[in-house]
Amino acid sequence: MNQARCLRIIRVWLCLLGGLQMELPIHAQDLNEIGVTLLRRVATNTDGTGIRVAQPEAPGTNIPPDFEVNPAYSLVQKPAGLFTYFETNGTANFFPNGLGTESGHADTVASNFYGFPGGVATNVVHVDNYEANYFYNSIIAATLPPNINDPVVNQSFIFGYVPGQVTISEQQQLDSEFDNYAAQYNTLFVSGAGNNGPGSGSVAPPSTCYNGMSVGAYGYAFSSVGPTEDNGRAKPDIVAPAGATSFSTPQVAGAAAVLMQAGLRGDGGSDTNSPSDIRAVKALLLNGAVKPSDWTNNPPSPLDPRYGAGVLNVYNAYEQLAGGKHGYIVATNVPLGNPHPPTGTNGTVSTLNGWDFNNISSSSNFDGVNHYYFNVTNGMGNAAFTATATLVWNRQQNQVDINDLNLFLYNAANSNLVAGSTSLVDNVEHIFVPNLPQGRYDLQVWKAGGIPNVSVVSSSETYALAWEFSSTLLNAAPSGTNLVLSWPIYPDGFVLASATNLVPPVVWSTNNPVPVVTNNLNWIPVSATNASQFFRLQPP
């Protein structure tokens, strides 16, 4: 048995002060913040129905091991028959059983993942609850890994307590094992980044794998921060509100299950296979995330080292899924390393929020480019847009390297480059452009050509692309002697802020009434005697 397989798996929720720290379950305001409440109002029964999930849990030192979810736990409330428990000594379909004992950590993870009433995916069809050492050694690292048939796996554990305890070579082996499994069986591993922050390079495996999703805890000072120690990849991918990454992770896993359910039942169009692919789910979740006000990245890294793509918002991801699958307008080949400006074609993608699942090819002498053209306008001459686009592809099975894909946004009228994401090490590219003028734009997926090398693993690559061009306007209208403020519910995640004056330093308050949702608009009445005179929408 190799060294990495002998590593002891440690929970990520160890208190930095030395003892064990239990986290309260997800709160109603968190469900509001991550878009779950709004999604349930707009799309009924979008709750993970029909999706089978897995929950490996790291045990403590007790014997038998404490890794099991109690179905009767007050914030889980699931029938016992929903669970199968796996451990080295066997399998059980009932609780309690002789394989292990109840874990408070597992119960809390479950309550945020699929528990009732506070979970994200409250109606999953089955849960496979694994003891994590058994899961790694007998499933992931097996000589012939078996298919567990769980498309979403929540991993609220890490290998090792602190950065450096797992060597870079061990991390790379772990990444390869999880990536190979994900590529072979289309399994999305959603893993906690760890609670070893805020120093850079503190994200721990298994969340460092290429093909999974690494989750940080938004609002938690010790959430681990990227980039990865091996080659500087952007991790975490996304964050969710919680007091530790153990409990932000199941929110993202639940959101993935919800998106898979929606795609399989046709909410994203007649092609129901593509939106359930892990690349499409990942692209939609990252592209639907809400940027905190201090979000930034350091190109060529595509993501913020603290927040990834931003704060989870499953409603935004769902709306982009519902925008439908739309193919590229034209594909071109350009000599290796040559410019690739817009082609001047007249075709246009019909929606400003949507997705695609497609292939791109290059050759020994040519780079490949797939062009998506958009007419970005809403009929209001002074409206500016925010452009967000995310490209995701896999590290292919049994490969050390990845194909080099990039993402570009060009102004089609003058061929000027507006933005680009050109990481050589990431299998995610991400563009975020606030204050984009109206016009015609060419969103390009680019693939490096050439002979097989570190940038060319294969001549063709399958990718998922998600995009959103949005213009969110705050409107004010009289209502009797009062005023009503309104703005669209999509994109979600904006907060109404108010101020009494604009004399520096301006103090913006978010202490406003909760908006009422009517006809796809947020509505807030404002009294004529309100001291605030100025209002704006702002990110969290």
Protein backbone atom coordinates (compact mmCIF):
# COMPACT_ATOMS: atom_id res chain seq x y z
CA MET A 1 0.00 0.00 0.00
CA ASN A 2 1.44 3.36 -0.99
CA GLN A 3 2.03 6.21 1.43
CA ALA A 4 -0.93 8.39 0.41
CA ARG A 5 -3.33 5.55 1.06
CA CYS A 6 -2.05 5.28 4.61
CA LEU A 7 -2.98 8.86 5.42
CA ARG A 8 -5.44 9.31 8.25
CA ILE A 9 -8.51 11.30 7.23
CA ILE A 10 -9.25 14.22 9.56
CA ARG A 11 -12.42 16.24 9.88
CA VAL A 12 -12.16 19.86 8.76
CA TRP A 13 -14.21 21.22 11.65
CA LEU A 14 -11.54 20.98 14.33
CA CYS A 15 -11.54 24.16 16.36
CA LEU A 16 -8.33 26.14 16.03
CA LEU A 17 -8.32 26.55 19.80
CA GLY A 18 -7.95 22.83 20.32
CA GLY A 19 -11.35 21.27 20.95
CA LEU A 20 -14.19 20.07 18.77
CA GLN A 21 -16.50 22.72 17.38
CA MET A 22 -20.08 21.93 16.39
CA GLU A 23 -21.81 24.12 13.83
CA LEU A 24 -25.45 25.15 13.90
CA PRO A 25 -27.46 23.97 10.89
CA ILE A 26 -28.15 26.21 7.93
CA HIS A 27 -30.37 29.16 8.79
CA ALA A 28 -33.34 30.49 6.85
CA GLN A 29 -31.36 33.62 5.95
CA ASP A 30 -28.67 31.39 4.44
CA LEU A 31 -31.29 29.68 2.26
CA ASN A 32 -32.33 33.15 1.16
CA GLU A 33 -28.74 34.22 0.48
CA ILE A 34 -27.88 31.18 -1.65
CA GLY A 35 -31.07 31.49 -3.71
CA VAL A 36 -32.89 28.39 -2.47
CA THR A 37 -35.95 30.19 -1.11
CA LEU A 38 -36.45 32.11 -4.36
CA LEU A 39 -35.91 29.02 -6.50
CA ARG A 40 -38.60 27.13 -4.60
CA ARG A 41 -41.04 29.94 -5.31
CA VAL A 42 -40.26 30.11 -9.01
CA ALA A 43 -39.66 26.43 -9.88
CA THR A 44 -41.82 24.06 -7.87
CA ASN A 45 -40.51 20.74 -6.60
CA THR A 46 -36.90 21.61 -7.44
CA ASP A 47 -35.50 19.71 -4.48
CA GLY A 48 -33.17 16.96 -5.71
CA THR A 49 -35.95 14.49 -6.50
CA GLY A 50 -34.59 11.33 -8.09
CA ILE A 51 -30.89 12.10 -7.40
CA ARG A 52 -28.85 9.58 -5.45
CA VAL A 53 -26.03 11.06 -3.34
CA ALA A 54 -23.13 9.90 -1.20
CA GLN A 55 -21.83 11.23 2.11
CA PRO A 56 -18.45 9.87 3.24
CA GLU A 57 -17.73 10.87 6.82
CA ALA A 58 -14.43 10.76 8.72
CA PRO A 59 -14.73 9.03 12.11
CA GLY A 60 -13.18 10.01 15.37
CA THR A 61 -11.26 7.61 17.59
CA ASN A 62 -14.32 5.68 18.80
CA ILE A 63 -14.79 1.97 18.11
CA PRO A 64 -17.08 1.18 16.37
CA PRO A 65 -16.43 4.28 14.24
CA ASP A 66 -18.74 7.26 14.59
CA PHE A 67 -19.54 8.19 10.98
CA GLU A 68 -23.26 7.55 10.58
CA VAL A 69 -26.18 9.88 9.93
CA ASN A 70 -29.15 9.30 12.21
CA PRO A 71 -32.23 9.47 9.95
CA ALA A 72 -34.38 10.48 12.93
CA TYR A 73 -32.18 13.46 13.84
CA SER A 74 -34.52 16.43 14.22
CA LEU A 75 -33.03 18.37 11.28
CA VAL A 76 -32.64 15.36 8.99
CA GLN A 77 -36.06 13.69 9.35
CA LYS A 78 -35.68 11.02 6.70
CA PRO A 79 -36.99 7.45 6.58
CA ALA A 80 -34.39 4.90 7.65
CA GLY A 81 -34.81 3.10 4.34
CA LEU A 82 -33.32 6.12 2.54
CA PHE A 83 -29.83 5.19 3.82
CA THR A 84 -27.22 2.53 3.17
CA TYR A 85 -24.19 2.47 5.48
CA PHE A 86 -20.76 1.23 4.30
CA GLU A 87 -17.74 0.35 6.42
CA THR A 88 -14.83 -2.10 6.17
CA ASN A 89 -16.78 -4.74 8.09
CA GLY A 90 -19.84 -4.71 5.87
CA THR A 91 -23.01 -2.95 4.73
CA ALA A 92 -26.24 -2.12 6.54
CA ASN A 93 -29.63 -0.82 5.42
CA PHE A 94 -30.94 0.12 8.84
CA PHE A 95 -30.06 2.36 11.77
CA PRO A 96 -28.76 1.77 14.40
CA ASN A 97 -26.43 -1.01 13.26
CA GLY A 98 -23.21 -2.69 14.32
CA LEU A 99 -20.98 -1.07 11.69
CA GLY A 100 -20.70 2.29 13.40
CA THR A 101 -22.38 4.87 15.58
CA GLU A 102 -24.02 8.24 15.12
CA SER A 103 -21.85 11.24 14.27
CA GLY A 104 -22.98 14.73 15.25
CA HIS A 105 -20.83 16.09 12.44
CA ALA A 106 -22.52 13.77 9.94
CA ASP A 107 -25.97 14.80 11.21
CA THR A 108 -25.20 18.49 10.76
CA VAL A 109 -23.72 17.98 7.29
CA ALA A 110 -26.82 15.98 6.37
CA SER A 111 -29.15 18.69 7.69
CA ASN A 112 -27.56 21.24 5.34
CA PHE A 113 -27.35 18.82 2.41
CA TYR A 114 -30.74 17.07 2.25
CA GLY A 115 -32.29 17.43 5.70
CA PHE A 116 -35.79 18.70 6.35
CA PRO A 117 -36.64 21.52 6.54
CA GLY A 118 -33.30 23.36 6.22
CA GLY A 119 -31.45 21.37 3.56
CA VAL A 120 -30.92 22.39 -0.05
CA ALA A 121 -31.89 19.09 -1.72
CA THR A 122 -34.62 17.86 0.60
CA ASN A 123 -35.96 15.05 -1.60
CA VAL A 124 -32.93 13.03 -2.78
CA VAL A 125 -33.86 9.46 -3.58
CA HIS A 126 -31.10 7.72 -1.59
CA VAL A 127 -28.04 8.43 0.58
CA ASP A 128 -24.97 6.19 0.68
CA ASN A 129 -23.23 6.97 3.98
CA TYR A 130 -19.59 5.81 3.89
CA GLU A 131 -16.91 5.62 6.55
CA ALA A 132 -14.33 7.82 4.82
CA ASN A 133 -11.26 5.60 5.21
CA TYR A 134 -13.18 2.74 3.64
CA PHE A 135 -14.51 5.05 0.91
CA TYR A 136 -11.04 6.17 -0.07
CA ASN A 137 -9.21 2.85 0.16
CA SER A 138 -11.91 0.57 -1.27
CA ILE A 139 -13.61 2.89 -3.78
CA ILE A 140 -11.41 5.76 -4.94
CA ALA A 141 -7.98 4.13 -4.65
CA ALA A 142 -9.06 0.60 -5.55
CA THR A 143 -7.16 -1.12 -8.36
CA LEU A 144 -10.47 -1.36 -10.26
CA PRO A 145 -12.67 1.36 -8.73
CA PRO A 146 -16.34 0.30 -8.61
CA ASN A 147 -19.14 2.62 -9.74
CA ILE A 148 -21.11 3.72 -6.68
CA ASN A 149 -23.80 5.28 -8.94
CA ASP A 150 -23.96 8.45 -6.86
CA PRO A 151 -23.55 11.47 -9.19
CA VAL A 152 -22.98 13.87 -6.26
CA VAL A 153 -20.60 13.11 -3.39
CA ASN A 154 -20.25 15.47 -0.43
CA GLN A 155 -16.83 15.33 1.23
CA SER A 156 -16.67 17.38 4.42
CA PHE A 157 -13.25 16.04 5.37
CA ILE A 158 -9.62 16.63 4.44
CA PHE A 159 -6.41 14.62 4.42
CA GLY A 160 -4.31 16.02 7.27
CA TYR A 161 -4.66 18.76 9.86
CA VAL A 162 -2.44 21.52 8.53
CA PRO A 163 -0.77 22.66 5.30
CA GLY A 164 2.35 20.64 4.65
CA GLN A 165 1.18 17.54 6.51
CA VAL A 166 0.26 16.11 3.11
CA THR A 167 3.20 16.48 0.75
CA ILE A 168 2.80 17.89 -2.75
CA SER A 169 3.45 14.47 -4.29
CA GLU A 170 0.79 12.95 -2.03
CA GLN A 171 -1.63 15.72 -2.97
CA GLN A 172 -1.00 15.08 -6.66
CA GLN A 173 -1.64 11.37 -6.22
CA LEU A 174 -4.89 12.05 -4.38
CA ASP A 175 -5.94 14.56 -7.06
CA SER A 176 -5.28 12.02 -9.81
CA GLU A 177 -7.26 9.29 -8.07
CA PHE A 178 -10.32 11.50 -7.56
CA ASP A 179 -10.02 13.01 -11.05
CA ASN A 180 -9.81 9.60 -12.68
CA TYR A 181 -12.89 8.43 -10.81
CA ALA A 182 -14.81 11.61 -11.69
CA ALA A 183 -13.90 11.35 -15.38
CA GLN A 184 -14.73 7.65 -15.56
CA TYR A 185 -18.10 7.72 -13.81
CA ASN A 186 -19.28 11.34 -14.19
CA THR A 187 -19.19 11.81 -10.42
CA LEU A 188 -19.05 15.31 -8.94
CA PHE A 189 -16.95 15.44 -5.78
CA VAL A 190 -17.90 18.51 -3.73
CA SER A 191 -15.24 18.95 -1.05
CA GLY A 192 -14.49 21.36 1.77
CA ALA A 193 -11.45 23.54 1.19
CA GLY A 194 -10.45 23.26 4.86
CA ASN A 195 -10.28 25.61 7.82
CA ASN A 196 -6.55 26.37 7.69
CA GLY A 197 -6.82 29.94 6.37
CA PRO A 198 -6.45 32.75 5.87
CA GLY A 199 -2.91 32.10 4.63
CA SER A 200 -2.52 31.37 0.92
CA GLY A 201 -1.92 27.82 -0.26
CA SER A 202 -3.95 26.33 2.60
CA VAL A 203 -6.56 24.45 0.54
CA ALA A 204 -6.28 20.74 1.32
CA PRO A 205 -6.99 17.56 -0.64
CA PRO A 206 -9.34 16.10 -1.74
CA SER A 207 -10.71 19.54 -2.65
CA THR A 208 -7.57 20.26 -4.69
CA CYS A 209 -8.61 17.82 -7.44
CA TYR A 210 -9.20 19.29 -10.90
CA ASN A 211 -12.58 17.76 -11.72
CA GLY A 212 -14.33 18.39 -8.41
CA MET A 213 -15.59 21.52 -6.68
CA SER A 214 -13.68 23.03 -3.76
CA VAL A 215 -15.89 24.94 -1.32
CA GLY A 216 -14.90 27.70 1.09
CA ALA A 217 -16.95 29.17 3.93
CA TYR A 218 -18.12 32.73 3.25
CA GLY A 219 -17.86 34.94 6.32
CA TYR A 220 -15.52 32.56 8.15
CA ALA A 221 -12.07 34.04 8.81
CA PHE A 222 -10.25 30.68 8.82
CA SER A 223 -11.64 29.29 5.58
CA SER A 224 -8.74 27.98 3.50
CA VAL A 225 -7.37 30.14 0.71
CA GLY A 226 -5.79 29.24 -2.64
CA PRO A 227 -3.94 28.77 -4.83
CA THR A 228 -2.96 25.10 -4.67
CA GLU A 229 0.55 24.36 -3.49
CA ASP A 230 1.48 22.09 -6.38
CA ASN A 231 1.07 24.38 -9.42
CA GLY A 232 -0.91 27.43 -8.32
CA ARG A 233 -4.39 26.43 -9.47
CA ALA A 234 -7.42 28.49 -8.42
CA LYS A 235 -9.12 26.83 -5.45
CA PRO A 236 -11.62 27.16 -3.83
CA ASP A 237 -14.09 27.22 -6.72
CA ILE A 238 -16.99 28.74 -4.78
CA VAL A 239 -18.09 29.69 -1.25
CA ALA A 240 -21.29 29.43 0.77
CA PRO A 241 -22.22 31.04 4.12
CA ALA A 242 -21.21 28.93 7.12
CA GLY A 243 -18.99 28.88 10.17
CA ALA A 244 -16.76 26.15 8.77
CA THR A 245 -16.21 24.55 5.39
CA SER A 246 -17.73 21.27 6.58
CA PHE A 247 -21.09 22.99 6.49
CA SER A 248 -20.73 25.26 3.47
CA THR A 249 -19.84 22.20 1.37
CA PRO A 250 -23.20 20.37 1.67
CA GLN A 251 -24.99 23.54 0.52
CA VAL A 252 -23.07 23.34 -2.78
CA ALA A 253 -23.54 19.57 -3.00
CA GLY A 254 -27.28 20.08 -2.50
CA ALA A 255 -27.32 22.76 -5.19
CA ALA A 256 -25.57 20.35 -7.58
CA ALA A 257 -28.23 17.70 -6.91
CA VAL A 258 -30.98 20.26 -7.54
CA LEU A 259 -29.44 21.33 -10.86
CA MET A 260 -29.02 17.72 -11.95
CA GLN A 261 -32.67 17.02 -11.17
CA ALA A 262 -33.79 20.11 -13.09
CA GLY A 263 -31.67 19.22 -16.11
CA LEU A 264 -32.80 15.60 -16.21
CA ARG A 265 -36.48 16.59 -16.15
CA GLY A 266 -35.99 18.97 -19.07
CA ASP A 267 -35.86 22.40 -17.43
CA GLY A 268 -32.81 23.21 -19.59
CA GLY A 269 -34.28 21.92 -22.84
CA SER A 270 -34.77 18.65 -24.69
CA ASP A 271 -31.15 17.54 -24.24
CA THR A 272 -31.43 16.15 -20.73
CA ASN A 273 -28.07 14.37 -20.66
CA SER A 274 -25.76 17.38 -21.11
CA PRO A 275 -26.96 19.44 -18.10
CA SER A 276 -26.42 16.48 -15.78
CA ASP A 277 -22.76 16.21 -16.81
CA ILE A 278 -20.47 17.31 -13.99
CA ARG A 279 -18.81 19.90 -16.26
CA ALA A 280 -22.14 21.57 -16.99
CA VAL A 281 -23.24 21.54 -13.35
CA LYS A 282 -19.93 23.04 -12.26
CA ALA A 283 -19.99 25.74 -14.97
CA LEU A 284 -23.56 26.76 -14.07
CA LEU A 285 -22.91 26.89 -10.32
CA LEU A 286 -19.74 28.95 -10.75
CA ASN A 287 -21.34 31.31 -13.26
CA GLY A 288 -24.39 31.84 -11.06
CA ALA A 289 -22.30 32.79 -8.01
CA VAL A 290 -22.62 36.31 -6.64
CA LYS A 291 -19.45 38.39 -6.40
CA PRO A 292 -18.78 39.95 -2.97
CA SER A 293 -17.93 43.64 -3.17
CA ASP A 294 -14.22 42.89 -2.67
CA TRP A 295 -14.05 40.04 -5.18
CA THR A 296 -10.93 40.19 -7.30
CA ASN A 297 -8.56 37.88 -9.11
CA ASN A 298 -4.96 38.09 -10.17
CA PRO A 299 -4.75 37.06 -13.86
CA PRO A 300 -3.99 34.61 -15.27
CA SER A 301 -5.71 33.00 -12.28
CA PRO A 302 -9.41 32.92 -13.20
CA LEU A 303 -10.86 33.10 -9.67
CA ASP A 304 -10.55 34.96 -6.38
CA PRO A 305 -8.23 33.01 -4.02
CA ARG A 306 -10.70 33.52 -1.15
CA TYR A 307 -14.12 33.30 -2.81
CA GLY A 308 -13.51 31.39 -6.03
CA ALA A 309 -16.23 32.48 -8.45
CA GLY A 310 -18.25 33.99 -5.57
CA VAL A 311 -21.08 33.10 -3.19
CA LEU A 312 -23.30 30.19 -4.20
CA ASN A 313 -26.66 31.19 -5.69
CA VAL A 314 -28.58 28.19 -7.00
CA TYR A 315 -31.41 30.37 -8.36
CA ASN A 316 -29.05 32.21 -10.71
CA ALA A 317 -27.54 28.90 -11.83
CA TYR A 318 -31.03 27.51 -12.44
CA GLU A 319 -32.06 30.55 -14.50
CA GLN A 320 -29.02 30.08 -16.72
CA LEU A 321 -29.88 26.40 -17.08
CA ALA A 322 -33.44 27.39 -17.99
CA GLY A 323 -32.03 29.78 -20.60
CA GLY A 324 -31.35 26.66 -22.63
CA LYS A 325 -28.50 25.03 -24.49
CA HIS A 326 -27.20 27.08 -27.42
CA GLY A 327 -24.36 26.04 -29.71
CA TYR A 328 -21.57 28.23 -31.05
CA ILE A 329 -22.29 30.30 -34.17
CA VAL A 330 -19.14 29.43 -36.10
CA ALA A 331 -15.90 27.50 -35.55
CA THR A 332 -12.58 28.66 -37.02
CA ASN A 333 -8.99 27.48 -37.15
CA VAL A 334 -6.06 29.89 -36.94
CA PRO A 335 -2.34 29.19 -37.32
CA LEU A 336 -0.65 28.35 -34.02
CA GLY A 337 -0.35 31.40 -31.77
CA ASN A 338 -1.97 33.78 -34.29
CA PRO A 339 -4.60 36.40 -33.43
CA HIS A 340 -8.22 35.24 -33.58
CA PRO A 341 -10.45 38.32 -33.90
CA PRO A 342 -14.22 38.15 -34.53
CA THR A 343 -15.15 36.70 -37.90
CA GLY A 344 -17.89 39.16 -38.86
CA THR A 345 -20.60 36.51 -39.07
CA ASN A 346 -24.23 37.64 -38.74
CA GLY A 347 -25.43 34.78 -36.54
CA THR A 348 -26.43 35.49 -32.94
CA VAL A 349 -27.06 33.41 -29.82
CA SER A 350 -30.71 34.02 -29.00
CA THR A 351 -30.44 34.45 -25.22
CA LEU A 352 -28.25 36.53 -22.93
CA ASN A 353 -28.24 33.85 -20.23
CA GLY A 354 -27.73 30.22 -21.10
CA TRP A 355 -25.23 27.41 -21.54
CA ASP A 356 -23.65 25.00 -23.97
CA PHE A 357 -22.06 21.56 -23.82
CA ASN A 358 -19.87 21.03 -26.84
CA ASN A 359 -16.54 20.01 -28.35
CA ILE A 360 -13.61 21.99 -29.68
CA SER A 361 -10.83 20.70 -31.91
CA SER A 362 -7.33 21.81 -32.83
CA SER A 363 -4.55 20.25 -34.88
CA SER A 364 -0.78 20.13 -35.10
CA ASN A 365 -0.74 23.36 -37.12
CA PHE A 366 -3.85 25.22 -35.97
CA ASP A 367 -5.53 26.47 -32.81
CA GLY A 368 -9.29 25.98 -32.66
CA VAL A 369 -11.82 28.72 -31.86
CA ASN A 370 -15.59 28.40 -31.24
CA HIS A 371 -17.38 31.76 -31.55
CA TYR A 372 -20.56 32.70 -29.65
CA TYR A 373 -22.00 36.04 -30.82
CA PHE A 374 -24.35 38.13 -28.64
CA ASN A 375 -26.29 41.32 -29.26
CA VAL A 376 -26.13 42.83 -25.78
CA THR A 377 -28.94 45.37 -25.44
CA ASN A 378 -32.18 45.91 -23.58
CA GLY A 379 -33.54 48.88 -25.52
CA MET A 380 -32.49 51.44 -22.90
CA GLY A 381 -29.70 53.60 -24.25
CA ASN A 382 -28.01 54.32 -20.91
CA ALA A 383 -28.07 50.78 -19.53
CA ALA A 384 -24.78 49.05 -18.82
CA PHE A 385 -24.42 45.29 -18.47
CA THR A 386 -22.44 42.87 -16.37
CA ALA A 387 -20.93 39.98 -18.30
CA THR A 388 -20.07 36.70 -16.61
CA ALA A 389 -18.90 33.58 -18.42
CA THR A 390 -17.43 30.31 -17.16
CA LEU A 391 -15.70 27.55 -19.11
CA VAL A 392 -15.14 24.11 -17.55
CA TRP A 393 -13.54 20.93 -18.86
CA ASN A 394 -12.12 17.82 -17.23
CA ARG A 395 -8.66 16.52 -16.69
CA GLN A 396 -9.08 13.37 -18.75
CA GLN A 397 -8.84 9.94 -17.19
CA ASN A 398 -5.27 8.75 -16.54
CA GLN A 399 -3.75 12.03 -17.74
CA VAL A 400 -1.24 14.13 -15.83
CA ASP A 401 -1.81 17.31 -17.85
CA ILE A 402 -4.87 19.09 -19.21
CA ASN A 403 -5.68 20.54 -22.60
CA ASP A 404 -5.11 24.29 -22.68
CA LEU A 405 -8.43 26.07 -23.23
CA ASN A 406 -8.95 29.81 -22.90
CA LEU A 407 -11.95 32.13 -22.82
CA PHE A 408 -12.07 35.53 -24.57
CA LEU A 409 -14.63 38.32 -24.96
CA TYR A 410 -14.21 40.59 -27.99
CA ASN A 411 -16.09 43.68 -29.10
CA ALA A 412 -17.33 42.49 -32.48
CA ALA A 413 -17.66 46.03 -33.87
CA ASN A 414 -13.99 47.00 -33.52
CA SER A 415 -12.31 43.62 -32.74
CA ASN A 416 -10.95 44.98 -29.45
CA LEU A 417 -10.33 42.44 -26.70
CA VAL A 418 -12.57 43.23 -23.72
CA ALA A 419 -11.50 40.45 -21.36
CA GLY A 420 -9.72 37.13 -21.35
CA SER A 421 -9.07 34.20 -19.04
CA THR A 422 -5.90 32.37 -20.01
CA SER A 423 -4.65 30.16 -17.18
CA LEU A 424 -2.22 27.44 -18.23
CA VAL A 425 -2.85 25.30 -15.15
CA ASP A 426 -6.60 25.53 -14.46
CA ASN A 427 -9.39 23.57 -16.12
CA VAL A 428 -11.70 26.49 -15.35
CA GLU A 429 -11.69 29.85 -17.14
CA HIS A 430 -13.83 32.70 -15.86
CA ILE A 431 -14.65 36.18 -17.13
CA PHE A 432 -16.33 38.91 -15.08
CA VAL A 433 -16.85 42.33 -16.70
CA PRO A 434 -18.95 44.93 -14.84
CA ASN A 435 -20.14 48.04 -16.71
CA LEU A 436 -20.07 46.45 -20.15
CA PRO A 437 -21.45 48.88 -22.78
CA GLN A 438 -24.24 47.70 -25.00
CA GLY A 439 -23.09 46.27 -28.32
CA ARG A 440 -22.28 43.12 -30.23
CA TYR A 441 -19.78 40.74 -28.64
CA ASP A 442 -17.91 37.59 -29.56
CA LEU A 443 -17.43 35.14 -26.68
CA GLN A 444 -14.70 32.72 -27.75
CA VAL A 445 -13.69 29.28 -26.54
CA TRP A 446 -10.08 28.71 -27.70
CA LYS A 447 -8.05 25.50 -27.72
CA ALA A 448 -4.30 25.29 -28.18
CA GLY A 449 -3.03 23.30 -31.13
CA GLY A 450 0.34 21.72 -31.77
CA ILE A 451 1.95 18.36 -31.28
CA PRO A 452 1.10 16.51 -28.04
CA ASN A 453 2.72 18.35 -25.13
CA VAL A 454 1.77 19.82 -21.78
CA SER A 455 -0.85 22.04 -23.49
CA VAL A 456 -2.19 19.47 -25.95
CA VAL A 457 -3.38 16.21 -24.42
CA SER A 458 -5.78 15.42 -27.27
CA SER A 459 -6.95 16.98 -30.52
CA SER A 460 -10.52 17.36 -29.22
CA GLU A 461 -11.91 18.42 -25.85
CA THR A 462 -15.45 18.38 -24.44
CA TYR A 463 -16.38 21.48 -22.46
CA ALA A 464 -19.26 23.21 -20.72
CA LEU A 465 -19.84 26.95 -21.07
CA ALA A 466 -22.27 29.13 -19.08
CA TRP A 467 -22.90 32.84 -19.65
CA GLU A 468 -24.92 35.76 -18.36
CA PHE A 469 -25.20 39.31 -19.70
CA SER A 470 -27.41 41.15 -17.21
CA SER A 471 -28.53 44.71 -16.57
CA THR A 472 -30.19 45.19 -13.20
CA LEU A 473 -32.02 48.50 -12.88
CA LEU A 474 -33.60 49.89 -9.73
CA ASN A 475 -36.94 51.52 -10.48
CA ALA A 476 -38.97 53.93 -8.33
CA ALA A 477 -42.69 54.64 -8.74
CA PRO A 478 -45.22 56.57 -6.66
CA SER A 479 -47.79 54.61 -4.71
CA GLY A 480 -50.26 57.03 -3.18
CA THR A 481 -48.23 59.29 -0.93
CA ASN A 482 -45.42 56.73 -0.71
CA LEU A 483 -42.86 55.23 -3.07
CA VAL A 484 -42.32 51.67 -4.33
CA LEU A 485 -38.84 50.47 -5.30
CA SER A 486 -38.56 47.45 -7.60
CA TRP A 487 -35.93 45.46 -9.46
CA PRO A 488 -35.84 42.08 -11.26
CA ILE A 489 -35.46 38.90 -9.22
CA TYR A 490 -32.90 37.67 -11.76
CA PRO A 491 -30.02 37.91 -11.28
CA ASP A 492 -30.48 37.28 -7.59
CA GLY A 493 -28.09 38.33 -4.83
CA PHE A 494 -28.34 42.12 -4.80
CA VAL A 495 -29.16 43.97 -1.59
CA LEU A 496 -31.02 47.28 -1.44
CA ALA A 497 -28.90 49.94 0.27
CA SER A 498 -30.06 53.40 1.31
CA ALA A 499 -28.43 56.65 2.44
CA THR A 500 -29.73 59.93 3.81
CA ASN A 501 -27.32 62.02 1.72
CA LEU A 502 -24.34 61.74 -0.61
CA VAL A 503 -21.95 63.90 1.39
CA PRO A 504 -18.67 62.01 1.89
CA PRO A 505 -18.18 59.74 3.70
CA VAL A 506 -21.47 58.23 2.50
CA VAL A 507 -23.00 55.72 4.91
CA TRP A 508 -25.07 53.08 3.09
CA SER A 509 -27.49 51.08 5.19
CA THR A 510 -28.99 47.70 4.23
CA ASN A 511 -31.50 47.83 7.06
CA ASN A 512 -34.50 47.86 4.72
CA PRO A 513 -37.67 45.75 4.63
CA VAL A 514 -37.51 42.30 3.05
CA PRO A 515 -38.69 42.58 -0.56
CA VAL A 516 -41.94 41.00 -1.69
CA VAL A 517 -41.68 38.97 -4.91
CA THR A 518 -44.43 39.69 -7.44
CA ASN A 519 -44.40 39.14 -11.21
CA ASN A 520 -40.66 38.33 -11.19
CA LEU A 521 -39.87 41.61 -9.44
CA ASN A 522 -38.67 42.47 -5.94
CA TRP A 523 -40.90 45.16 -4.40
CA ILE A 524 -40.19 47.31 -1.35
CA PRO A 525 -42.53 50.13 -0.24
CA VAL A 526 -40.83 53.25 1.11
CA SER A 527 -42.63 55.70 3.33
CA ALA A 528 -42.67 59.34 2.21
CA THR A 529 -41.37 60.23 5.68
CA ASN A 530 -38.37 57.91 5.36
CA ALA A 531 -35.14 59.75 6.14
CA SER A 532 -33.31 57.96 3.32
CA GLN A 533 -33.40 59.75 -0.02
CA PHE A 534 -30.89 57.76 -2.04
CA PHE A 535 -31.03 54.05 -2.95
CA ARG A 536 -28.85 51.59 -4.83
CA LEU A 537 -28.39 47.86 -5.38
CA GLN A 538 -25.14 46.38 -4.16
CA PRO A 539 -23.54 42.92 -3.92
CA PRO A 540 -23.07 41.29 -0.51
